[in-house]
Amino acid sequence: DKNTFSTDNFQLAAFLLAQSCRLISTDKANLRRVGFVFEESKERQELTERFLSYEAAVEPHRFFSAQKDLKQLIYEGS
């Protein structure tokens, strides 16, 4: 789907969430890895490129809060 971006990289997902990218859903089809589905945007693409090239910066509290929120989503209903 061109309107979404999926990743199973937890740290990337936390970074994108901390940078206010819109998380649409989680994909728990694979029992070993949860996928995170974000709304696609040019900003999301740029943030991912910065993250993967080790050029990204994020306020630590926002990052840790995003990690906590994602973990809650992962373990919801488990």
Protein backbone atom coordinates (compact mmCIF):
# COMPACT_ATOMS: atom_id res chain seq x y z
CA ASP A 1 0.00 0.00 0.00
CA LYS A 2 1.50 3.33 -1.10
CA ASN A 3 -0.31 5.20 1.68
CA THR A 4 1.36 3.28 4.48
CA PHE A 5 4.84 2.34 5.65
CA SER A 6 5.39 -0.86 7.65
CA THR A 7 8.38 -1.78 9.75
CA ASP A 8 9.19 -4.42 12.33
CA ASN A 9 12.16 -2.38 13.56
CA PHE A 10 11.09 -1.43 17.09
CA GLN A 11 13.64 1.37 17.49
CA LEU A 12 12.71 2.95 14.16
CA ALA A 13 9.02 2.73 15.04
CA ALA A 14 9.67 4.40 18.40
CA PHE A 15 11.68 7.14 16.70
CA LEU A 16 8.95 7.79 14.12
CA LEU A 17 6.29 7.86 16.82
CA ALA A 18 8.41 10.25 18.91
CA GLN A 19 8.69 12.50 15.85
CA SER A 20 4.88 12.60 15.57
CA CYS A 21 4.46 10.30 12.59
CA ARG A 22 0.97 8.84 12.63
CA LEU A 23 0.85 5.20 13.71
CA ILE A 24 -2.13 3.57 12.02
CA SER A 25 -1.98 0.05 13.40
CA THR A 26 0.12 -2.86 14.55
CA ASP A 27 0.41 -6.12 12.65
CA LYS A 28 0.66 -9.17 14.89
CA ALA A 29 0.29 -11.78 12.13
CA ASN A 30 3.89 -12.94 12.67
CA LEU A 31 4.09 -14.40 16.18
CA ARG A 32 7.81 -13.58 16.43
CA ARG A 33 7.77 -9.93 15.29
CA VAL A 34 5.19 -7.19 15.52
CA GLY A 35 4.89 -4.86 12.56
CA PHE A 36 4.12 -1.17 12.95
CA VAL A 37 2.11 0.52 10.20
CA PHE A 38 2.55 4.26 9.76
CA GLU A 39 0.87 6.74 7.48
CA GLU A 40 3.18 7.38 4.53
CA SER A 41 4.51 10.90 4.01
CA LYS A 42 7.55 12.69 2.71
CA GLU A 43 8.44 13.59 6.30
CA ARG A 44 8.30 9.90 7.31
CA GLN A 45 10.65 9.03 4.46
CA GLU A 46 13.12 11.77 5.45
CA LEU A 47 13.01 10.77 9.12
CA THR A 48 13.66 7.12 8.25
CA GLU A 49 16.61 8.07 6.05
CA ARG A 50 18.09 10.18 8.87
CA PHE A 51 17.52 7.36 11.37
CA LEU A 52 19.15 4.71 9.17
CA SER A 53 22.16 6.94 8.41
CA TYR A 54 22.75 7.69 12.12
CA GLU A 55 21.97 11.39 11.61
CA ALA A 56 18.75 11.54 13.63
CA ALA A 57 18.21 13.27 16.94
CA VAL A 58 15.23 13.03 19.26
CA GLU A 59 14.40 14.39 22.69
CA PRO A 60 15.10 11.46 25.04
CA HIS A 61 11.89 11.67 27.07
CA ARG A 62 9.78 11.60 23.87
CA PHE A 63 11.72 8.55 22.65
CA PHE A 64 11.33 6.61 25.90
CA SER A 65 7.65 7.54 26.08
CA ALA A 66 7.16 6.32 22.49
CA GLN A 67 8.90 3.02 23.38
CA LYS A 68 6.56 2.58 26.34
CA ASP A 69 3.50 3.28 24.19
CA LEU A 70 4.60 0.76 21.56
CA LYS A 71 5.26 -1.91 24.18
CA GLN A 72 1.74 -1.36 25.53
CA LEU A 73 0.36 -1.91 22.02
CA ILE A 74 2.44 -5.07 21.59
CA TYR A 75 1.25 -6.68 24.80
CA GLU A 76 -2.38 -5.53 24.55
CA GLY A 77 -4.63 -8.54 24.37
CA SER A 78 -1.76 -11.01 24.79
